[in-house]
């Protein structure tokens, strides 16, 4: 169970109804359920109608949900205020490079942030730009991290390229022989 909320609706006449809109941002794919109930201080002639439930299926994002060191992903923001999330694993003290560019003229203004498994923004691991974003930061602990990307103003749509690289022991690096 997450996030109980209480909303005062005021007085309602007998037989009246009220609507409350709840907006959620799912963090994983799967079944999402919500249950709502109501109560009042007056006698209720029909207490059976004081409970409602709804559920929906949350689909995985259109882009692959995982990103790995050395990988470049091409994806898109299809609606205003959309946020794409990618998960990756890191070792303690991994130094990473994040590069995000829009994939065309008039596209999104890249914004990227890295959060740890507890959902806390990793200090120094975020940035935004008009066309091309690039930042480097160190990850403090071994574990899973979420790389969250979106349009920096939340009002544009379009394609983007996202690249993640480990700088200490880069992935897919080719050694150079020195004689």
Foldseek 3Di string as FASTA:
>chain_A
DDDDDDDDPPDDDVPDDDDDDDDDDDPDWAKDKDKFFDDDPDDDPCRVPGIDMDMDTGDADPWDQEDEAPDKTKDKFDAFQDKHKHKDWDAAFFKKKKKKFFDDPPAAWKKKFKAFPVRHTDPQGIDTGRGMDMGIDTDHHTDMMMIMMDRPVRHGIGMMMIHMFGPPPTPPDDDDDDD
